[in-house]
Each structure stands twice: as C-alpha cells, then as structure tokens.
Amino acid sequence: MPQYQLLIVLLCIGAGSLVSVLANKLTFWAAVCAFIVATAIYLGAGFAGIVMLALFFISAVLATHHKKEQKTKLNISEQGNKRNAGQVLANGGVAGLAGFLAYAFLEYNFVLNVIVAASLSSAMADTLSSELGVIYGRNPINIISLRRDKEGKDGVISIEGTLIGILGSFVIGVTFCVFYGFAVKLLFIIVLAGTVGNFADSFMGATLERNGALGNNAVNFLNTLAAALISIVLYLVW
C-alpha cells in the first residue's frame, strides 16, 4: 500500500484514540492498545477491518450507555465509563492478531480476514446481548439450568438478548460481504461463529466466571477465540 495512505490511516486511528480518551470512553493505555489493535487489523484486513472494528466500538459505546440509569439501579452497569486496556484486548486482541498474521502471511490473507470478522462478530454479539438483553429481556434464564435467574448475572440469557446478539453478528457479516462480495457461505460462517462464541461466553460465565476461576476479560477473550476457531473449521469443511 502507498506510504501516504498508511500514514493517513494511522493519523485517523490516532485521532480516534485521542478523542476516545478525551471523551472518557477509553483510558490512556486502553487507547494505546486500541491504536495497536486497529493498526494490525488495518494492515491485514484494510478498510473492511477498520469499518467492522468501528461498528463494534460505536455499538458497544452506545449499548453500554443506553438506559445507564436503569442498569445502575439493577446493579448491572458496565464497570465504569472508561474501558481499560484489558477490556480492549479481551474484545479486540484476537482480531488484531489475525489481522497482523493476514499482513505477514499474504497467502492466507482471506481466511485470516474471515477470522477477523468472526472474532469481531462474537465481540459484537456478546456486548449487545449483554448490554441490551438486561433491558429488553423478558424471561432471563440460566444457560446451564434453563431456570429463571436474575438479569445481568453471569451466564444469564434471554430470547430478546440472544436475537439482539445475532443481529449484531449479522451486521458484521454483511459489512464483510460488502467489501469482499456477497456469499451466503461467508455470511453464515461469520454470523454462526459470532453466535456460538456468544453462547460460549454465557456458558463460561455461568460456570468458570461465577466460581471465580476466570475473570470477565478472560471470558471475553476466549469467546472471540472460540468464534475464530469455529470460523476456521467451517471455512475449511464447507
């Protein structure tokens, strides 16, 4: 790619990171991590990767602050207004790594870009279903016992929250297809990987996170990793 194009993109990513800090959306180190992740994704996935990442970030911010007062009353508000470095890496680390590998190993660029999309699909599904499901879910249940449980607790899901998560994965899938050409196979892989990753997050939340074996950031990282692995399998066997 032309050096001036890369420089312009890096300046835009840097400006976006700075604005996020000034707007109290990210801590300083979170912004540094976001800059690195976004750069890696751009190098491997180009503008498609940046657009998908931007959609995830904007949606996450809006969903987190949607009916914030109600979430606070329910004691399920997101931890603070600023996202820290751990949260950024938990949600975007897998996509960033896949983007870097796509840049380093051009012969595998396309499949690695599918992995970028799948991991962001899972992050999007998890964030939207968690943040909006607690507001609009009418019958929250524990994913393990399938019995009614308190909204907002780890491993609790609802039909409404699940559908919102699937919609989030669909948005990422459609965005990927806009740049790479529409194909039912690709859209299905990205949406299914994101949805399964979201369910994996809930299973880990109901078990490992509730008993203290894993923290929220670890669970978020593993759900995006699960989506990435699922997308590879689906891509290779289909």
Protein backbone atom coordinates (compact mmCIF):
# COMPACT_ATOMS: atom_id res chain seq x y z
CA MET A 1 0.00 0.00 0.00
CA PRO A 2 1.23 3.57 -0.63
CA GLN A 3 3.05 5.02 2.37
CA TYR A 4 0.95 8.18 2.33
CA GLN A 5 -2.22 6.08 2.57
CA LEU A 6 -0.89 4.19 5.58
CA LEU A 7 0.18 7.45 7.19
CA ILE A 8 -3.28 8.99 6.72
CA VAL A 9 -4.96 5.91 8.21
CA LEU A 10 -2.57 5.87 11.18
CA LEU A 11 -3.28 9.55 11.80
CA CYS A 12 -7.02 8.87 11.70
CA ILE A 13 -6.69 5.91 14.08
CA GLY A 14 -4.52 8.02 16.39
CA ALA A 15 -7.03 10.87 16.29
CA GLY A 16 -9.87 8.49 17.07
CA SER A 17 -7.94 7.04 20.00
CA LEU A 18 -7.20 10.52 21.34
CA VAL A 19 -10.84 11.57 21.03
CA SER A 20 -11.88 8.43 22.90
CA VAL A 21 -9.58 9.39 25.77
CA LEU A 22 -10.81 12.98 25.84
CA ALA A 23 -14.42 11.78 25.73
CA ASN A 24 -13.75 9.45 28.68
CA LYS A 25 -14.53 6.34 26.64
CA LEU A 26 -11.05 4.84 26.97
CA THR A 27 -8.22 5.12 29.47
CA PHE A 28 -4.85 6.23 28.11
CA TRP A 29 -3.43 2.70 27.98
CA ALA A 30 -6.69 1.40 26.53
CA ALA A 31 -6.31 3.96 23.73
CA VAL A 32 -2.73 2.79 23.13
CA CYS A 33 -3.93 -0.81 22.89
CA ALA A 34 -6.82 0.25 20.64
CA PHE A 35 -4.35 2.02 18.34
CA ILE A 36 -2.18 -1.10 18.08
CA VAL A 37 -5.16 -3.42 17.52
CA ALA A 38 -6.73 -1.12 14.91
CA THR A 39 -3.42 -0.75 13.07
CA ALA A 40 -2.90 -4.51 12.99
CA ILE A 41 -6.43 -5.04 11.69
CA TYR A 42 -5.97 -2.38 9.01
CA LEU A 43 -2.67 -3.87 7.84
CA GLY A 44 -4.28 -7.27 7.33
CA ALA A 45 -7.90 -6.50 6.53
CA GLY A 46 -7.72 -3.00 5.10
CA PHE A 47 -10.69 -0.66 5.25
CA ALA A 48 -13.07 -3.59 5.73
CA GLY A 49 -11.39 -4.38 9.03
CA ILE A 50 -11.43 -0.78 10.18
CA VAL A 51 -15.13 -0.39 9.36
CA MET A 52 -16.03 -3.59 11.24
CA LEU A 53 -13.94 -2.50 14.22
CA ALA A 54 -15.53 0.96 14.18
CA LEU A 55 -19.02 -0.55 14.05
CA PHE A 56 -18.21 -2.71 17.05
CA PHE A 57 -16.71 0.15 19.07
CA ILE A 58 -19.52 2.60 18.34
CA SER A 59 -22.20 -0.02 19.01
CA ALA A 60 -20.51 -1.03 22.27
CA VAL A 61 -20.35 2.56 23.50
CA LEU A 62 -23.97 3.25 22.59
CA ALA A 63 -25.22 -0.02 24.07
CA THR A 64 -23.25 0.47 27.28
CA HIS A 65 -24.73 3.91 27.84
CA HIS A 66 -28.24 3.01 26.74
CA LYS A 67 -30.53 3.37 29.77
CA LYS A 68 -27.48 3.64 32.01
CA GLU A 69 -29.57 4.78 34.97
CA GLN A 70 -31.74 1.68 34.82
CA LYS A 71 -28.68 -0.56 34.71
CA THR A 72 -27.19 1.26 37.67
CA LYS A 73 -30.36 0.68 39.68
CA LEU A 74 -30.19 -3.01 38.83
CA ASN A 75 -26.52 -3.01 39.85
CA ILE A 76 -25.53 -4.33 36.43
CA SER A 77 -23.93 -1.25 34.93
CA GLU A 78 -20.71 -1.67 32.97
CA GLN A 79 -17.61 -1.30 35.13
CA GLY A 80 -17.04 2.44 34.98
CA ASN A 81 -17.47 4.71 31.99
CA LYS A 82 -13.98 4.14 30.60
CA ARG A 83 -12.87 0.90 29.03
CA ASN A 84 -9.43 -0.17 30.18
CA ALA A 85 -6.60 -1.86 28.28
CA GLY A 86 -7.66 -5.32 29.43
CA GLN A 87 -11.16 -4.84 28.05
CA VAL A 88 -9.82 -3.60 24.72
CA LEU A 89 -7.50 -6.58 24.33
CA ALA A 90 -10.19 -9.01 25.53
CA ASN A 91 -12.58 -7.87 22.80
CA GLY A 92 -10.15 -6.99 20.01
CA GLY A 93 -6.98 -8.95 20.71
CA VAL A 94 -7.88 -11.99 18.61
CA ALA A 95 -8.95 -9.80 15.68
CA GLY A 96 -5.77 -7.77 15.99
CA LEU A 97 -3.60 -10.90 15.98
CA ALA A 98 -5.47 -12.32 12.98
CA GLY A 99 -5.04 -9.01 11.18
CA PHE A 100 -1.30 -9.00 11.80
CA LEU A 101 -0.99 -12.60 10.61
CA ALA A 102 -3.00 -11.72 7.49
CA TYR A 103 -0.46 -8.99 6.78
CA ALA A 104 2.53 -11.25 7.48
CA PHE A 105 1.26 -14.28 5.56
CA LEU A 106 -0.41 -12.97 2.43
CA GLU A 107 -1.14 -16.45 1.07
CA TYR A 108 -3.61 -16.90 3.94
CA ASN A 109 -4.91 -13.34 3.89
CA PHE A 110 -8.52 -14.09 3.04
CA VAL A 111 -9.16 -16.84 5.57
CA LEU A 112 -7.45 -14.76 8.26
CA ASN A 113 -9.72 -11.86 7.38
CA VAL A 114 -12.69 -14.20 7.88
CA ILE A 115 -11.25 -14.86 11.34
CA VAL A 116 -11.03 -11.10 11.97
CA ALA A 117 -14.71 -10.78 11.09
CA ALA A 118 -15.74 -13.83 13.14
CA SER A 119 -13.98 -12.65 16.29
CA LEU A 120 -15.48 -9.16 15.97
CA SER A 121 -18.85 -10.78 15.29
CA SER A 122 -18.60 -12.61 18.61
CA ALA A 123 -17.46 -9.50 20.48
CA MET A 124 -20.35 -7.55 18.96
CA ALA A 125 -22.91 -10.25 19.78
CA ASP A 126 -21.71 -10.59 23.36
CA THR A 127 -21.64 -6.86 24.06
CA LEU A 128 -25.04 -6.10 22.54
CA SER A 129 -26.80 -9.11 24.05
CA SER A 130 -25.33 -8.35 27.47
CA GLU A 131 -25.94 -4.61 27.49
CA LEU A 132 -29.36 -4.61 25.82
CA GLY A 133 -30.61 -8.02 26.90
CA VAL A 134 -30.76 -6.89 30.53
CA ILE A 135 -33.04 -4.05 29.47
CA TYR A 136 -35.31 -5.77 26.97
CA GLY A 137 -35.12 -9.42 28.04
CA ARG A 138 -38.46 -10.55 29.46
CA ASN A 139 -37.60 -14.02 30.75
CA PRO A 140 -33.93 -14.24 31.78
CA ILE A 141 -32.77 -17.81 32.37
CA ASN A 142 -29.53 -19.51 33.40
CA ILE A 143 -27.99 -21.08 30.29
CA ILE A 144 -26.99 -24.20 32.25
CA SER A 145 -30.07 -24.91 34.36
CA LEU A 146 -32.55 -23.21 31.98
CA ARG A 147 -34.29 -21.91 35.11
CA ARG A 148 -35.22 -18.28 35.65
CA ASP A 149 -32.32 -16.26 37.03
CA LYS A 150 -31.52 -12.65 37.87
CA GLU A 151 -30.91 -10.44 34.83
CA GLY A 152 -27.35 -9.28 34.43
CA LYS A 153 -25.76 -12.21 36.26
CA ASP A 154 -23.02 -14.18 34.52
CA GLY A 155 -24.44 -16.89 32.29
CA VAL A 156 -27.96 -15.48 32.17
CA ILE A 157 -29.55 -15.18 28.72
CA SER A 158 -32.89 -14.22 27.21
CA ILE A 159 -34.56 -14.69 23.84
CA GLU A 160 -34.53 -10.95 23.22
CA GLY A 161 -30.86 -10.58 24.17
CA THR A 162 -29.90 -13.56 22.01
CA LEU A 163 -31.72 -12.12 18.99
CA ILE A 164 -30.06 -8.75 19.51
CA GLY A 165 -26.69 -10.52 19.59
CA ILE A 166 -27.46 -12.37 16.36
CA LEU A 167 -28.40 -9.05 14.76
CA GLY A 168 -25.02 -7.64 15.83
CA SER A 169 -23.23 -10.61 14.23
CA PHE A 170 -25.33 -10.13 11.11
CA VAL A 171 -24.21 -6.50 10.84
CA ILE A 172 -20.55 -7.57 10.95
CA GLY A 173 -21.22 -10.34 8.43
CA VAL A 174 -22.97 -8.02 5.99
CA THR A 175 -20.19 -5.45 6.32
CA PHE A 176 -17.60 -8.12 5.49
CA CYS A 177 -19.61 -9.17 2.42
CA VAL A 178 -19.95 -5.57 1.24
CA PHE A 179 -16.17 -5.41 0.90
CA TYR A 180 -15.43 -8.97 -0.22
CA GLY A 181 -18.51 -9.83 -2.25
CA PHE A 182 -21.77 -11.27 -1.02
CA ALA A 183 -21.73 -15.02 -0.40
CA VAL A 184 -24.22 -16.93 1.74
CA LYS A 185 -21.38 -19.16 2.94
CA LEU A 186 -19.32 -16.28 4.30
CA LEU A 187 -22.30 -14.54 5.88
CA PHE A 188 -23.43 -17.79 7.52
CA ILE A 189 -19.93 -18.56 8.85
CA ILE A 190 -19.49 -15.12 10.40
CA VAL A 191 -22.96 -15.00 11.95
CA LEU A 192 -22.83 -18.59 13.25
CA ALA A 193 -19.30 -18.17 14.64
CA GLY A 194 -20.32 -14.99 16.42
CA THR A 195 -23.46 -16.58 17.83
CA VAL A 196 -21.66 -19.70 19.06
CA GLY A 197 -18.95 -17.51 20.56
CA ASN A 198 -21.66 -15.56 22.37
CA PHE A 199 -23.17 -18.76 23.77
CA ALA A 200 -19.69 -19.93 24.78
CA ASP A 201 -19.32 -16.68 26.72
CA SER A 202 -22.56 -17.41 28.55
CA PHE A 203 -21.55 -21.00 29.36
CA MET A 204 -18.20 -19.82 30.73
CA GLY A 205 -19.96 -17.05 32.61
CA ALA A 206 -22.36 -19.47 34.28
CA THR A 207 -19.54 -21.80 35.30
CA LEU A 208 -15.96 -20.54 35.33
CA GLU A 209 -16.74 -16.87 35.89
CA ARG A 210 -19.31 -17.43 38.62
CA ASN A 211 -16.97 -19.64 40.63
CA GLY A 212 -14.10 -17.19 40.23
CA ALA A 213 -11.91 -19.36 38.01
CA LEU A 214 -11.95 -16.75 35.22
CA GLY A 215 -12.48 -13.01 35.11
CA ASN A 216 -14.71 -11.18 32.65
CA ASN A 217 -11.83 -10.15 30.41
CA ALA A 218 -10.60 -13.73 30.12
CA VAL A 219 -14.10 -14.92 29.25
CA ASN A 220 -14.47 -12.22 26.60
CA PHE A 221 -11.11 -13.12 25.07
CA LEU A 222 -11.98 -16.82 25.00
CA ASN A 223 -15.35 -16.25 23.37
CA THR A 224 -13.72 -14.34 20.49
CA LEU A 225 -11.07 -17.06 20.24
CA ALA A 226 -13.80 -19.71 20.11
CA ALA A 227 -15.51 -17.81 17.29
CA ALA A 228 -12.21 -17.59 15.43
CA LEU A 229 -11.60 -21.34 15.71
CA ILE A 230 -15.17 -22.16 14.68
CA SER A 231 -14.87 -19.94 11.62
CA ILE A 232 -11.70 -21.76 10.53
CA VAL A 233 -13.38 -25.14 10.83
CA LEU A 234 -16.50 -24.01 8.95
CA TYR A 235 -14.46 -22.35 6.23
CA LEU A 236 -12.31 -25.45 5.68
CA VAL A 237 -15.08 -28.09 5.75
CA TRP A 238 -17.73 -26.21 3.80
